[in-house]
Amino acid sequence: MAGTNEGTVLVFPQLQGYLTPFEDKPQAKKLLDGDGANITIMELAAGQSWHEHYSVHPIIVQALKGAIDFRVKDQDILLVPGKPIHVTAKLLHSLTAREDSTLMVTMLTGESHPQPKISIEEDVTVL
């Protein structure tokens, strides 16, 4: 199968600090409904947690800033920048920020979105 020069590249601005966590809980915002994946950004203050939950699709979770304890299968995985993890669909997990942190979650939906829906106020470059 040959490659193509047709398609789109979305270049996002720096996302660390994009949101401000609420006083009593993290803040999350979906930034993109894209072709094959959705991107959500989360901001957590030190000590804040996200209760146990699951995703209906596989996800890739990565810390952009800070340190987060990601709890899954009765184990804690320390998420720090440069150490992404892949989580299968419907696997229960929770997280707690050790320090002020920015987290990016990429949900691998496999859905087709030829025209991406971008919900970020900052400039996104489209190539």
Protein backbone atom coordinates (compact mmCIF):
# COMPACT_ATOMS: atom_id res chain seq x y z
CA MET A 1 0.00 0.00 0.00
CA ALA A 2 1.44 3.35 -1.02
CA GLY A 3 1.51 6.39 1.22
CA THR A 4 -0.15 9.70 0.38
CA ASN A 5 0.34 13.40 0.87
CA GLU A 6 -3.37 13.82 1.56
CA GLY A 7 -4.45 14.16 5.18
CA THR A 8 -4.25 16.49 8.13
CA VAL A 9 -1.78 17.24 10.90
CA LEU A 10 -3.01 19.11 13.98
CA VAL A 11 -0.28 20.85 15.98
CA PHE A 12 -1.40 21.76 19.50
CA PRO A 13 0.11 24.45 21.72
CA GLN A 14 1.88 23.56 24.97
CA LEU A 15 -0.76 21.91 27.15
CA GLN A 16 0.94 22.00 30.56
CA GLY A 17 -1.04 24.41 32.70
CA TYR A 18 -3.77 24.79 30.05
CA LEU A 19 -6.47 24.14 32.67
CA THR A 20 -6.63 25.06 36.33
CA PRO A 21 -7.76 22.31 38.69
CA PHE A 22 -10.85 23.05 40.71
CA GLU A 23 -10.23 23.72 44.39
CA ASP A 24 -11.66 20.36 45.46
CA LYS A 25 -11.15 18.15 42.39
CA PRO A 26 -9.26 17.80 39.10
CA GLN A 27 -10.43 19.50 35.94
CA ALA A 28 -10.67 17.66 32.61
CA LYS A 29 -11.52 18.80 29.09
CA LYS A 30 -11.76 16.91 25.82
CA LEU A 31 -9.61 18.77 23.31
CA LEU A 32 -10.18 16.70 20.21
CA ASP A 33 -12.59 14.27 18.58
CA GLY A 34 -10.18 13.16 15.89
CA ASP A 35 -9.88 10.50 13.26
CA GLY A 36 -9.31 7.29 15.25
CA ALA A 37 -8.74 8.93 18.63
CA ASN A 38 -9.93 11.50 21.15
CA ILE A 39 -7.59 13.58 23.33
CA THR A 40 -8.48 14.74 26.84
CA ILE A 41 -6.30 16.89 29.08
CA MET A 42 -6.49 16.84 32.89
CA GLU A 43 -5.03 19.15 35.52
CA LEU A 44 -4.66 17.88 39.08
CA ALA A 45 -3.36 19.68 42.14
CA ALA A 46 -1.11 17.71 44.48
CA GLY A 47 -3.22 15.20 46.42
CA GLN A 48 -6.23 15.31 44.11
CA SER A 49 -7.64 12.00 42.87
CA TRP A 50 -9.85 10.67 40.10
CA HIS A 51 -12.08 7.89 41.41
CA GLU A 52 -12.05 4.37 40.01
CA HIS A 53 -13.51 4.23 36.51
CA TYR A 54 -12.94 2.65 33.10
CA SER A 55 -12.94 3.58 29.44
CA VAL A 56 -15.02 1.81 26.81
CA HIS A 57 -12.01 2.08 24.44
CA PRO A 58 -8.30 1.40 24.96
CA ILE A 59 -6.38 4.46 26.18
CA ILE A 60 -2.85 5.80 26.27
CA VAL A 61 -2.15 7.82 29.42
CA GLN A 62 0.85 10.11 29.81
CA ALA A 63 1.98 12.74 32.26
CA LEU A 64 3.00 15.98 30.61
CA LYS A 65 4.02 17.53 33.94
CA GLY A 66 4.29 16.30 37.51
CA ALA A 67 3.94 12.82 39.00
CA ILE A 68 0.81 10.70 39.26
CA ASP A 69 0.10 7.36 40.93
CA PHE A 70 -1.98 5.37 38.44
CA ARG A 71 -3.70 2.51 40.29
CA VAL A 72 -4.66 -0.57 38.29
CA LYS A 73 -4.91 -4.28 39.21
CA ASP A 74 -4.02 -3.47 42.86
CA GLN A 75 -0.73 -1.88 41.79
CA ASP A 76 0.46 1.71 41.59
CA ILE A 77 2.33 2.80 38.47
CA LEU A 78 4.20 6.09 38.77
CA LEU A 79 3.44 8.23 35.72
CA VAL A 80 6.05 10.89 34.98
CA PRO A 81 6.78 12.76 31.74
CA GLY A 82 8.23 10.42 29.14
CA LYS A 83 6.61 7.26 30.57
CA PRO A 84 3.25 6.63 28.80
CA ILE A 85 1.11 3.57 29.48
CA HIS A 86 -1.49 1.71 27.39
CA VAL A 87 -4.64 0.46 29.14
CA THR A 88 -7.10 -1.97 27.57
CA ALA A 89 -10.81 -1.17 27.34
CA LYS A 90 -12.98 -1.57 30.46
CA LEU A 91 -10.03 -2.08 32.83
CA LEU A 92 -10.81 -0.36 36.16
CA HIS A 93 -8.25 2.24 37.24
CA SER A 94 -7.87 5.36 39.39
CA LEU A 95 -5.23 8.02 39.91
CA THR A 96 -3.82 10.40 42.49
CA ALA A 97 -1.46 13.32 41.87
CA ARG A 98 1.72 13.31 43.98
CA GLU A 99 2.36 16.89 42.87
CA ASP A 100 0.66 19.45 40.62
CA SER A 101 0.30 17.54 37.35
CA THR A 102 -0.92 17.69 33.76
CA LEU A 103 -2.17 14.42 32.26
CA MET A 104 -3.07 13.62 28.66
CA VAL A 105 -5.39 10.72 27.83
CA THR A 106 -5.66 9.50 24.24
CA MET A 107 -8.74 7.32 23.74
CA LEU A 108 -8.22 4.97 20.80
CA THR A 109 -11.76 4.94 19.44
CA GLY A 110 -11.15 3.78 15.90
CA GLU A 111 -14.00 6.10 14.88
CA SER A 112 -13.81 8.04 11.64
CA HIS A 113 -13.82 11.84 12.02
CA PRO A 114 -12.74 13.25 8.64
CA GLN A 115 -13.40 16.73 10.04
CA PRO A 116 -11.90 16.80 13.54
CA LYS A 117 -13.77 18.61 16.31
CA ILE A 118 -11.32 20.79 18.21
CA SER A 119 -12.43 22.34 21.50
CA ILE A 120 -9.40 24.33 22.58
CA GLU A 121 -9.27 28.11 22.71
CA GLU A 122 -5.53 28.31 21.97
CA ASP A 123 -4.23 28.30 18.43
CA VAL A 124 -4.07 24.89 16.80
CA THR A 125 -2.09 24.76 13.58
CA VAL A 126 -3.63 22.66 10.80
CA LEU A 127 -1.29 21.29 8.15
